[in-house]
C-alpha atoms as a PDB file:
ATOM      1  CA  MET A   1      -0.690 -28.633 -19.578  1.00  0.00           C
ATOM      2  CA  GLU A   2       2.028 -25.981 -19.393  1.00  0.00           C
ATOM      3  CA  VAL A   3       3.112 -23.575 -16.672  1.00  0.00           C
ATOM      4  CA  ARG A   4       2.544 -20.605 -18.984  1.00  0.00           C
ATOM      5  CA  GLN A   5      -1.082 -21.696 -19.429  1.00  0.00           C
ATOM      6  CA  LEU A   6      -1.573 -21.661 -15.652  1.00  0.00           C
ATOM      7  CA  ASN A   7      -0.008 -18.192 -15.432  1.00  0.00           C
ATOM      8  CA  THR A   8      -2.336 -17.007 -18.174  1.00  0.00           C
ATOM      9  CA  LEU A   9      -5.374 -18.470 -16.412  1.00  0.00           C
ATOM     10  CA  ILE A  10      -4.470 -16.687 -13.155  1.00  0.00           C
ATOM     11  CA  ARG A  11      -3.869 -13.345 -14.861  1.00  0.00           C
ATOM     12  CA  ALA A  12      -7.117 -13.597 -16.875  1.00  0.00           C
ATOM     13  CA  ALA A  13      -9.007 -14.328 -13.651  1.00  0.00           C
ATOM     14  CA  GLN A  14      -7.435 -11.294 -11.971  1.00  0.00           C
ATOM     15  CA  PHE A  15      -8.247  -8.879 -14.801  1.00  0.00           C
ATOM     16  CA  GLN A  16     -11.512 -10.546 -15.888  1.00  0.00           C
ATOM     17  CA  SER A  17     -10.266  -9.773 -19.387  1.00  0.00           C
ATOM     18  CA  PHE A  18      -8.237 -11.713 -21.949  1.00  0.00           C
ATOM     19  CA  SER A  19      -6.971  -8.487 -23.557  1.00  0.00           C
ATOM     20  CA  LYS A  20      -5.692  -7.031 -20.266  1.00  0.00           C
ATOM     21  CA  ALA A  21      -4.153 -10.373 -19.317  1.00  0.00           C
ATOM     22  CA  ALA A  22      -2.409 -10.476 -22.699  1.00  0.00           C
ATOM     23  CA  GLU A  23      -1.079  -6.939 -22.246  1.00  0.00           C
ATOM     24  CA  SER A  24       0.295  -7.675 -18.771  1.00  0.00           C
ATOM     25  CA  LEU A  25       2.004 -10.876 -19.979  1.00  0.00           C
ATOM     26  CA  GLY A  26       3.336  -9.494 -23.249  1.00  0.00           C
ATOM     27  CA  TYR A  27       1.192 -11.847 -25.353  1.00  0.00           C
ATOM     28  CA  SER A  28      -1.282 -11.197 -28.128  1.00  0.00           C
ATOM     29  CA  GLN A  29      -4.943 -11.587 -27.191  1.00  0.00           C
ATOM     30  CA  SER A  30      -5.241 -14.490 -29.597  1.00  0.00           C
ATOM     31  CA  ALA A  31      -2.392 -16.298 -27.783  1.00  0.00           C
ATOM     32  CA  VAL A  32      -4.264 -15.971 -24.481  1.00  0.00           C
ATOM     33  CA  THR A  33      -7.468 -17.246 -26.095  1.00  0.00           C
ATOM     34  CA  VAL A  34      -5.616 -20.260 -27.569  1.00  0.00           C
ATOM     35  CA  GLN A  35      -3.998 -21.121 -24.209  1.00  0.00           C
ATOM     36  CA  ILE A  36      -7.277 -20.961 -22.298  1.00  0.00           C
ATOM     37  CA  LYS A  37      -9.051 -22.994 -24.978  1.00  0.00           C
ATOM     38  CA  ALA A  38      -6.316 -25.650 -24.842  1.00  0.00           C
ATOM     39  CA  LEU A  39      -6.702 -25.879 -21.051  1.00  0.00           C
ATOM     40  CA  GLU A  40     -10.480 -26.219 -21.357  1.00  0.00           C
ATOM     41  CA  GLU A  41     -10.136 -28.972 -23.949  1.00  0.00           C
ATOM     42  CA  GLU A  42      -7.579 -30.863 -21.852  1.00  0.00           C
ATOM     43  CA  LEU A  43      -9.689 -30.622 -18.675  1.00  0.00           C
ATOM     44  CA  GLY A  44     -12.983 -31.188 -20.467  1.00  0.00           C
ATOM     45  CA  VAL A  45     -14.709 -28.253 -18.746  1.00  0.00           C
ATOM     46  CA  ARG A  46     -15.398 -24.605 -19.466  1.00  0.00           C
ATOM     47  CA  LEU A  47     -13.191 -22.408 -17.285  1.00  0.00           C
ATOM     48  CA  PHE A  48     -14.564 -18.989 -18.248  1.00  0.00           C
ATOM     49  CA  ASP A  49     -17.921 -17.543 -19.204  1.00  0.00           C
ATOM     50  CA  ARG A  50     -17.528 -14.890 -21.903  1.00  0.00           C
ATOM     51  CA  MET A  51     -19.959 -12.074 -21.044  1.00  0.00           C
ATOM     52  CA  ASN A  52     -19.826  -8.887 -23.133  1.00  0.00           C
ATOM     53  CA  LYS A  53     -16.262  -7.604 -22.714  1.00  0.00           C
ATOM     54  CA  ARG A  54     -15.627  -9.486 -19.466  1.00  0.00           C
ATOM     55  CA  VAL A  55     -14.610 -13.061 -18.786  1.00  0.00           C
ATOM     56  CA  LEU A  56     -15.682 -14.614 -15.496  1.00  0.00           C
ATOM     57  CA  LEU A  57     -14.567 -17.888 -13.944  1.00  0.00           C
ATOM     58  CA  THR A  58     -17.150 -20.651 -13.951  1.00  0.00           C
ATOM     59  CA  VAL A  59     -17.599 -22.815 -10.859  1.00  0.00           C
ATOM     60  CA  ASP A  60     -15.179 -25.338 -12.399  1.00  0.00           C
ATOM     61  CA  GLY A  61     -12.828 -22.480 -13.221  1.00  0.00           C
ATOM     62  CA  GLN A  62     -12.819 -21.277  -9.627  1.00  0.00           C
ATOM     63  CA  ARG A  63     -12.034 -24.796  -8.412  1.00  0.00           C
ATOM     64  CA  PHE A  64      -9.222 -25.207 -10.934  1.00  0.00           C
ATOM     65  CA  LEU A  65      -7.781 -21.767 -10.061  1.00  0.00           C
ATOM     66  CA  GLU A  66      -6.994 -23.060  -6.560  1.00  0.00           C
ATOM     67  CA  TYR A  67      -5.046 -25.962  -8.058  1.00  0.00           C
ATOM     68  CA  ALA A  68      -3.262 -23.669 -10.519  1.00  0.00           C
ATOM     69  CA  ASN A  69      -2.072 -21.443  -7.671  1.00  0.00           C
ATOM     70  CA  SER A  70      -0.984 -24.486  -5.678  1.00  0.00           C
ATOM     71  CA  ILE A  71       0.959 -25.912  -8.639  1.00  0.00           C
ATOM     72  CA  LEU A  72       2.796 -22.646  -9.271  1.00  0.00           C
ATOM     73  CA  ASP A  73       3.565 -22.229  -5.553  1.00  0.00           C
ATOM     74  CA  THR A  74       5.026 -25.748  -5.506  1.00  0.00           C
ATOM     75  CA  ILE A  75       7.166 -25.002  -8.568  1.00  0.00           C
ATOM     76  CA  GLN A  76       8.413 -21.784  -6.996  1.00  0.00           C
ATOM     77  CA  SER A  77       9.178 -23.591  -3.713  1.00  0.00           C
ATOM     78  CA  ALA A  78      11.168 -26.203  -5.624  1.00  0.00           C
ATOM     79  CA  ARG A  79      13.169 -23.501  -7.393  1.00  0.00           C
ATOM     80  CA  GLN A  80      13.851 -21.735  -4.115  1.00  0.00           C
ATOM     81  CA  ALA A  81      14.894 -24.978  -2.421  1.00  0.00           C
ATOM     82  CA  LEU A  82      17.453 -25.543  -5.171  1.00  0.00           C
ATOM     83  CA  ASN A  83      18.671 -21.936  -5.091  1.00  0.00           C
ATOM     84  CA  GLU A  84      18.166 -20.914  -1.460  1.00  0.00           C
ATOM     85  CA  ASN A  85      21.834 -20.051  -1.060  1.00  0.00           C
ATOM     86  CA  ALA A  86      22.068 -18.146  -4.331  1.00  0.00           C
ATOM     87  CA  GLU A  87      22.364 -14.371  -4.175  1.00  0.00           C
ATOM     88  CA  LEU A  88      19.089 -12.542  -4.773  1.00  0.00           C
ATOM     89  CA  GLY A  89      19.072 -10.894  -8.176  1.00  0.00           C
ATOM     90  CA  GLY A  90      15.457 -10.562  -9.270  1.00  0.00           C
ATOM     91  CA  SER A  91      13.194  -7.529  -9.122  1.00  0.00           C
ATOM     92  CA  LEU A  92      10.900  -6.064  -6.482  1.00  0.00           C
ATOM     93  CA  HIS A  93       8.127  -3.514  -7.084  1.00  0.00           C
ATOM     94  CA  ILE A  94       6.742  -1.830  -3.949  1.00  0.00           C
ATOM     95  CA  GLY A  95       3.662   0.399  -3.802  1.00  0.00           C
ATOM     96  CA  THR A  96       3.357   2.826  -0.904  1.00  0.00           C
ATOM     97  CA  LEU A  97       1.998   6.157   0.308  1.00  0.00           C
ATOM     98  CA  GLU A  98       3.977   9.351  -0.276  1.00  0.00           C
ATOM     99  CA  SER A  99       4.364   9.916   3.490  1.00  0.00           C
ATOM    100  CA  LEU A 100       5.643   6.374   4.121  1.00  0.00           C
ATOM    101  CA  CYS A 101       7.932   6.619   1.105  1.00  0.00           C
ATOM    102  CA  PHE A 102       9.524   9.819   2.408  1.00  0.00           C
ATOM    103  CA  PHE A 103       9.626   9.144   6.157  1.00  0.00           C
ATOM    104  CA  ARG A 104       9.699   5.350   6.620  1.00  0.00           C
ATOM    105  CA  LEU A 105      11.130   3.658   3.537  1.00  0.00           C
ATOM    106  CA  PRO A 106      14.531   5.315   2.888  1.00  0.00           C
ATOM    107  CA  GLY A 107      16.348   3.541   5.723  1.00  0.00           C
ATOM    108  CA  LEU A 108      14.603   0.247   4.985  1.00  0.00           C
ATOM    109  CA  ILE A 109      15.435   0.401   1.282  1.00  0.00           C
ATOM    110  CA  ARG A 110      19.029   1.444   1.969  1.00  0.00           C
ATOM    111  CA  GLN A 111      19.497  -1.567   4.281  1.00  0.00           C
ATOM    112  CA  PHE A 112      17.809  -3.892   1.785  1.00  0.00           C
ATOM    113  CA  ARG A 113      20.156  -2.685  -0.968  1.00  0.00           C
ATOM    114  CA  LEU A 114      23.174  -3.214   1.278  1.00  0.00           C
ATOM    115  CA  GLU A 115      22.087  -6.812   1.890  1.00  0.00           C
ATOM    116  CA  HIS A 116      20.843  -7.531  -1.654  1.00  0.00           C
ATOM    117  CA  PRO A 117      22.635  -5.173  -4.065  1.00  0.00           C
ATOM    118  CA  LYS A 118      21.658  -7.085  -7.223  1.00  0.00           C
ATOM    119  CA  VAL A 119      17.883  -6.791  -6.689  1.00  0.00           C
ATOM    120  CA  GLY A 120      16.216  -4.255  -8.979  1.00  0.00           C
ATOM    121  CA  LEU A 121      13.958  -2.075  -6.818  1.00  0.00           C
ATOM    122  CA  ARG A 122      11.043   0.025  -8.025  1.00  0.00           C
ATOM    123  CA  VAL A 123       8.761   2.173  -5.838  1.00  0.00           C
ATOM    124  CA  THR A 124       5.351   3.537  -6.881  1.00  0.00           C
ATOM    125  CA  THR A 125       3.333   5.950  -4.713  1.00  0.00           C
ATOM    126  CA  GLY A 126      -0.420   6.488  -4.589  1.00  0.00           C
ATOM    127  CA  SER A 127      -3.471   6.535  -2.346  1.00  0.00           C
ATOM    128  CA  PRO A 128      -4.477   3.340  -0.484  1.00  0.00           C
ATOM    129  CA  GLU A 129      -7.247   2.726  -3.025  1.00  0.00           C
ATOM    130  CA  GLU A 130      -4.894   3.206  -5.987  1.00  0.00           C
ATOM    131  CA  LEU A 131      -2.282   0.896  -4.459  1.00  0.00           C
ATOM    132  CA  ILE A 132      -4.836  -1.807  -3.651  1.00  0.00           C
ATOM    133  CA  GLU A 133      -6.056  -1.700  -7.245  1.00  0.00           C
ATOM    134  CA  LYS A 134      -2.484  -2.075  -8.521  1.00  0.00           C
ATOM    135  CA  MET A 135      -1.972  -5.049  -6.196  1.00  0.00           C
ATOM    136  CA  GLU A 136      -5.251  -6.622  -7.339  1.00  0.00           C
ATOM    137  CA  GLN A 137      -4.160  -6.259 -10.964  1.00  0.00           C
ATOM    138  CA  GLY A 138      -0.675  -7.661 -10.366  1.00  0.00           C
ATOM    139  CA  GLU A 139       1.098  -4.374 -11.164  1.00  0.00           C
ATOM    140  CA  VAL A 140       3.065  -4.309  -7.863  1.00  0.00           C
ATOM    141  CA  ASP A 141       4.513  -7.084  -5.697  1.00  0.00           C
ATOM    142  CA  LEU A 142       3.892  -5.574  -2.263  1.00  0.00           C
ATOM    143  CA  ILE A 143       1.987  -2.577  -0.965  1.00  0.00           C
ATOM    144  CA  CYS A 144       2.529  -0.668   2.274  1.00  0.00           C
ATOM    145  CA  ILE A 145      -0.302   1.628   3.376  1.00  0.00           C
ATOM    146  CA  LEU A 146      -1.319   3.683   6.412  1.00  0.00           C
ATOM    147  CA  ASP A 147      -5.025   3.260   7.104  1.00  0.00           C
ATOM    148  CA  GLU A 148      -7.635   1.712   9.332  1.00  0.00           C
ATOM    149  CA  PRO A 149      -7.146  -2.082   9.493  1.00  0.00           C
ATOM    150  CA  ARG A 150      -7.852  -3.585   6.079  1.00  0.00           C
ATOM    151  CA  TYR A 151      -8.775  -7.200   5.388  1.00  0.00           C
ATOM    152  CA  SER A 152      -9.630  -9.295   2.361  1.00  0.00           C
ATOM    153  CA  ASN A 153      -9.706 -12.998   1.649  1.00  0.00           C
ATOM    154  CA  ASN A 154      -7.713 -12.138  -1.492  1.00  0.00           C
ATOM    155  CA  TRP A 155      -4.737 -10.665   0.379  1.00  0.00           C
ATOM    156  CA  HIS A 156      -1.930 -11.856   2.616  1.00  0.00           C
ATOM    157  CA  LYS A 157      -1.272  -9.327   5.403  1.00  0.00           C
ATOM    158  CA  CYS A 158       2.441  -9.313   6.264  1.00  0.00           C
ATOM    159  CA  ASN A 159       2.314  -6.944   9.231  1.00  0.00           C
ATOM    160  CA  GLU A 160       0.187  -4.365  11.031  1.00  0.00           C
ATOM    161  CA  VAL A 161       1.904  -1.648  13.102  1.00  0.00           C
ATOM    162  CA  PRO A 162       0.013   1.133  14.958  1.00  0.00           C
ATOM    163  CA  GLU A 163       1.025   4.693  14.076  1.00  0.00           C
ATOM    164  CA  GLU A 164      -0.250   7.688  16.066  1.00  0.00           C
ATOM    165  CA  VAL A 165      -1.609  10.687  14.162  1.00  0.00           C
ATOM    166  CA  VAL A 166      -1.132  13.991  16.014  1.00  0.00           C
ATOM    167  CA  PHE A 167      -1.937  17.681  15.819  1.00  0.00           C
ATOM    168  CA  VAL A 168       1.202  19.659  15.097  1.00  0.00           C
ATOM    169  CA  ALA A 169       1.773  23.398  14.915  1.00  0.00           C
ATOM    170  CA  THR A 170       4.292  26.156  14.359  1.00  0.00           C
ATOM    171  CA  PRO A 171       6.384  26.361  17.599  1.00  0.00           C
ATOM    172  CA  ASN A 172       5.459  29.958  18.431  1.00  0.00           C
ATOM    173  CA  ILE A 173       1.721  29.659  17.735  1.00  0.00           C
ATOM    174  CA  ASP A 174      -0.408  31.460  20.343  1.00  0.00           C
ATOM    175  CA  LEU A 175      -3.206  29.205  21.632  1.00  0.00           C
ATOM    176  CA  GLY A 176      -3.874  31.087  24.890  1.00  0.00           C
ATOM    177  CA  HIS A 177      -2.636  28.405  27.293  1.00  0.00           C
ATOM    178  CA  PRO A 178      -0.099  25.532  27.297  1.00  0.00           C
ATOM    179  CA  GLY A 179      -2.706  22.788  26.820  1.00  0.00           C
ATOM    180  CA  PRO A 180      -4.144  20.228  26.689  1.00  0.00           C
ATOM    181  CA  TYR A 181      -6.542  21.669  24.121  1.00  0.00           C
ATOM    182  CA  ARG A 182      -9.927  20.816  22.718  1.00  0.00           C
ATOM    183  CA  VAL A 183     -10.347  20.749  18.942  1.00  0.00           C
ATOM    184  CA  ALA A 184     -12.749  23.715  19.113  1.00  0.00           C
ATOM    185  CA  GLU A 185      -9.938  25.866  20.535  1.00  0.00           C
ATOM    186  CA  LEU A 186      -7.789  25.271  17.455  1.00  0.00           C
ATOM    187  CA  LEU A 187     -10.275  25.941  14.681  1.00  0.00           C
ATOM    188  CA  ASP A 188      -9.697  29.698  14.404  1.00  0.00           C
ATOM    189  CA  LYS A 189      -6.098  29.063  13.302  1.00  0.00           C
ATOM    190  CA  PRO A 190      -5.000  28.322   9.703  1.00  0.00           C
ATOM    191  CA  PHE A 191      -5.085  24.586   8.990  1.00  0.00           C
ATOM    192  CA  PHE A 192      -2.756  22.925   6.470  1.00  0.00           C
ATOM    193  CA  LEU A 193      -4.274  19.525   5.691  1.00  0.00           C
ATOM    194  CA  THR A 194      -3.926  16.590   3.365  1.00  0.00           C
ATOM    195  CA  GLU A 195      -6.556  16.301   0.666  1.00  0.00           C
ATOM    196  CA  ARG A 196     -10.136  15.568   1.703  1.00  0.00           C
ATOM    197  CA  ASN A 197     -10.186  11.877   0.786  1.00  0.00           C
ATOM    198  CA  ALA A 198      -6.906  11.045   2.557  1.00  0.00           C
ATOM    199  CA  ASN A 199      -7.465   8.496   5.326  1.00  0.00           C
ATOM    200  CA  TYR A 200      -6.758  10.462   8.512  1.00  0.00           C
ATOM    201  CA  ARG A 201      -8.181  13.664   6.988  1.00  0.00           C
ATOM    202  CA  ARG A 202     -11.397  11.749   6.302  1.00  0.00           C
ATOM    203  CA  THR A 203     -11.586  10.619   9.945  1.00  0.00           C
ATOM    204  CA  PHE A 204     -11.030  14.184  11.160  1.00  0.00           C
ATOM    205  CA  ASP A 205     -13.772  15.497   8.867  1.00  0.00           C
ATOM    206  CA  LYS A 206     -16.185  12.899  10.265  1.00  0.00           C
ATOM    207  CA  PHE A 207     -15.356  14.062  13.790  1.00  0.00           C
ATOM    208  CA  LEU A 208     -16.025  17.691  12.858  1.00  0.00           C
ATOM    209  CA  ALA A 209     -19.277  16.762  11.117  1.00  0.00           C
ATOM    210  CA  SER A 210     -20.459  14.911  14.236  1.00  0.00           C
ATOM    211  CA  HIS A 211     -20.041  18.223  16.098  1.00  0.00           C
ATOM    212  CA  GLN A 212     -21.770  20.149  13.285  1.00  0.00           C
ATOM    213  CA  VAL A 213     -18.554  21.959  12.374  1.00  0.00           C
ATOM    214  CA  GLU A 214     -17.179  22.534   8.877  1.00  0.00           C
ATOM    215  CA  LEU A 215     -13.531  23.504   8.490  1.00  0.00           C
ATOM    216  CA  THR A 216     -12.143  25.213   5.396  1.00  0.00           C
ATOM    217  CA  PRO A 217      -8.368  24.615   5.360  1.00  0.00           C
ATOM    218  CA  SER A 218      -5.970  27.361   4.350  1.00  0.00           C
ATOM    219  CA  LEU A 219      -4.055  24.751   2.359  1.00  0.00           C
ATOM    220  CA  GLU A 220      -4.859  21.281   0.993  1.00  0.00           C
ATOM    221  CA  ILE A 221      -2.096  19.178  -0.550  1.00  0.00           C
ATOM    222  CA  SER A 222      -1.129  15.496  -0.638  1.00  0.00           C
ATOM    223  CA  ASP A 223       2.571  16.226  -0.039  1.00  0.00           C
ATOM    224  CA  THR A 224       3.263  15.714   3.688  1.00  0.00           C
ATOM    225  CA  ALA A 225       6.808  17.092   3.439  1.00  0.00           C
ATOM    226  CA  PHE A 226       5.448  20.326   1.937  1.00  0.00           C
ATOM    227  CA  ILE A 227       2.949  20.716   4.798  1.00  0.00           C
ATOM    228  CA  ILE A 228       5.773  20.311   7.302  1.00  0.00           C
ATOM    229  CA  LYS A 229       7.828  23.001   5.566  1.00  0.00           C
ATOM    230  CA  MET A 230       4.836  25.332   5.618  1.00  0.00           C
ATOM    231  CA  LEU A 231       4.360  24.768   9.353  1.00  0.00           C
ATOM    232  CA  GLU A 232       8.030  25.421  10.029  1.00  0.00           C
ATOM    233  CA  HIS A 233       7.934  28.781   8.258  1.00  0.00           C
ATOM    234  CA  SER A 234       4.392  30.107   8.801  1.00  0.00           C
ATOM    235  CA  SER A 235       1.808  29.974  11.588  1.00  0.00           C
ATOM    236  CA  GLY A 236      -0.624  27.097  11.290  1.00  0.00           C
ATOM    237  CA  ILE A 237      -1.807  23.681  12.476  1.00  0.00           C
ATOM    238  CA  SER A 238      -1.958  20.277  10.814  1.00  0.00           C
ATOM    239  CA  LEU A 239      -2.863  16.656  11.540  1.00  0.00           C
ATOM    240  CA  LEU A 240      -0.053  14.299  10.544  1.00  0.00           C
ATOM    241  CA  PRO A 241       1.492  10.933  11.502  1.00  0.00           C
ATOM    242  CA  ARG A 242       3.851  11.281  14.444  1.00  0.00           C
ATOM    243  CA  PHE A 243       6.629   9.506  12.531  1.00  0.00           C
ATOM    244  CA  ALA A 244       6.531  12.275   9.913  1.00  0.00           C
ATOM    245  CA  VAL A 245       6.954  15.126  12.403  1.00  0.00           C
ATOM    246  CA  ALA A 246       9.006  13.541  15.212  1.00  0.00           C
ATOM    247  CA  GLU A 247      12.383  14.760  13.919  1.00  0.00           C
ATOM    248  CA  SER A 248      11.213  18.355  13.373  1.00  0.00           C
ATOM    249  CA  ALA A 249       9.549  18.369  16.809  1.00  0.00           C
ATOM    250  CA  ALA A 250      12.734  17.093  18.465  1.00  0.00           C
ATOM    251  CA  LYS A 251      14.666  19.976  16.853  1.00  0.00           C
ATOM    252  CA  GLY A 252      12.097  22.515  18.062  1.00  0.00           C
ATOM    253  CA  GLN A 253      10.986  23.310  14.512  1.00  0.00           C
ATOM    254  CA  LEU A 254       7.450  22.034  15.206  1.00  0.00           C
ATOM    255  CA  ARG A 255       5.270  21.647  18.278  1.00  0.00           C
ATOM    256  CA  ILE A 256       3.141  18.560  18.863  1.00  0.00           C
ATOM    257  CA  LEU A 257      -0.133  19.573  20.529  1.00  0.00           C
ATOM    258  CA  GLU A 258      -1.874  17.539  23.215  1.00  0.00           C
ATOM    259  CA  VAL A 259      -5.573  17.418  22.289  1.00  0.00           C
ATOM    260  CA  SER A 260      -7.968  15.854  24.773  1.00  0.00           C
ATOM    261  CA  ASP A 261     -11.073  15.184  22.672  1.00  0.00           C
ATOM    262  CA  PHE A 262      -9.595  13.706  19.490  1.00  0.00           C
ATOM    263  CA  GLN A 263      -7.042  10.892  19.377  1.00  0.00           C
ATOM    264  CA  LEU A 264      -6.325   8.895  16.243  1.00  0.00           C
ATOM    265  CA  THR A 265      -4.302   5.785  15.464  1.00  0.00           C
ATOM    266  CA  MET A 266      -3.785   4.485  11.959  1.00  0.00           C
ATOM    267  CA  TYR A 267      -2.057   1.214  11.069  1.00  0.00           C
ATOM    268  CA  ARG A 268       0.929   0.702   8.823  1.00  0.00           C
ATOM    269  CA  GLN A 269       0.110  -2.476   6.902  1.00  0.00           C
ATOM    270  CA  MET A 270       1.890  -4.500   4.240  1.00  0.00           C
ATOM    271  CA  PHE A 271       0.056  -6.809   1.837  1.00  0.00           C
ATOM    272  CA  TYR A 272       0.498  -8.960  -1.223  1.00  0.00           C
ATOM    273  CA  HIS A 273      -2.186 -10.686  -3.271  1.00  0.00           C
ATOM    274  CA  LYS A 274      -2.882 -14.339  -2.456  1.00  0.00           C
ATOM    275  CA  ASP A 275      -2.571 -15.178  -6.156  1.00  0.00           C
ATOM    276  CA  LYS A 276       0.894 -13.614  -6.232  1.00  0.00           C
ATOM    277  CA  CYS A 277       3.752 -16.051  -5.758  1.00  0.00           C
ATOM    278  CA  CYS A 278       5.861 -14.736  -2.864  1.00  0.00           C
ATOM    279  CA  THR A 279       9.363 -14.528  -4.331  1.00  0.00           C
ATOM    280  CA  ARG A 280      12.598 -14.712  -2.359  1.00  0.00           C
ATOM    281  CA  GLU A 281      12.997 -10.962  -2.919  1.00  0.00           C
ATOM    282  CA  MET A 282       9.550 -10.320  -1.421  1.00  0.00           C
ATOM    283  CA  LYS A 283      10.250 -12.592   1.550  1.00  0.00           C
ATOM    284  CA  ALA A 284      13.560 -10.828   2.231  1.00  0.00           C
ATOM    285  CA  PHE A 285      11.919  -7.402   2.200  1.00  0.00           C
ATOM    286  CA  ILE A 286       9.023  -8.554   4.413  1.00  0.00           C
ATOM    287  CA  GLN A 287      11.469 -10.050   6.909  1.00  0.00           C
ATOM    288  CA  LEU A 288      13.453  -6.804   7.043  1.00  0.00           C
ATOM    289  CA  ALA A 289      10.277  -4.726   7.452  1.00  0.00           C
ATOM    290  CA  ASP A 290       9.150  -6.978  10.324  1.00  0.00           C
ATOM    291  CA  GLY A 291      12.294  -6.149  12.290  1.00  0.00           C
ATOM    292  CA  PRO A 292      13.037  -3.040  14.383  1.00  0.00           C
ATOM    293  CA  ASP A 293      12.521   0.324  12.693  1.00  0.00           C
ATOM    294  CA  ILE A 294      15.634   1.338  10.771  1.00  0.00           C
ATOM    295  CA  PRO A 295      16.688   5.014  11.066  1.00  0.00           C
ATOM    296  CA  LEU A 296      16.450   7.169   7.957  1.00  0.00           C
END
């Protein structure tokens, strides 16, 4: 039994496909098939059922997968114990939302690079669903999302931090009185919103639907920074995370509105897949992210 066979088993179980496992590992499909067959012969059990174009773990395969993960974790722990004082020099691939990438990650990444300059960093952005899929398929090491609390037996949650989502407007917008406001008082103004399936936009749409109201935004775009620029230079209202607008509001370039009948909190959460070995690079980044917020 070889370590590479265990890695192949884990990747095939993740993708439910020998061909996709082979592609992710840089092997030929025949090499993956040979490795799995050798494992099955050595253990004397069938590990996968081959069904159409998918491969699914058998009951014995599911039991052995737990041992395979445990063996690889032990090997990694042994390597780390022998090299715990060595300078980090591996790679780290982080998946995150565009808004978190722009407004939360720069300071964190800058500090991480100062502490670990030899680590190769890569950042990929996407929606929560896209990032979760990439994590499930082993394409990223860690993901950081802003959403309602997410849970899965397949994931390790590293942290969960509440983030307020607020209504924000052009400073000189005329709303008739200084507030607080009700949502209905804002709806005759132009709204610049994230796309319909974005997490906090989806929650806002549900609120409007519960009051039998349909809002047609003047602008829909996934780019939070672009929405902020639009608000700074033209009259309108948006719904955005407070961390994204706090600096502009402090400078008087935006106005955060107090709204009495709609409050929203999302949660900044970091995950990695339970089948993913947590490397020293991952642990260092998680530890840094768990500390106090680092200025941009």
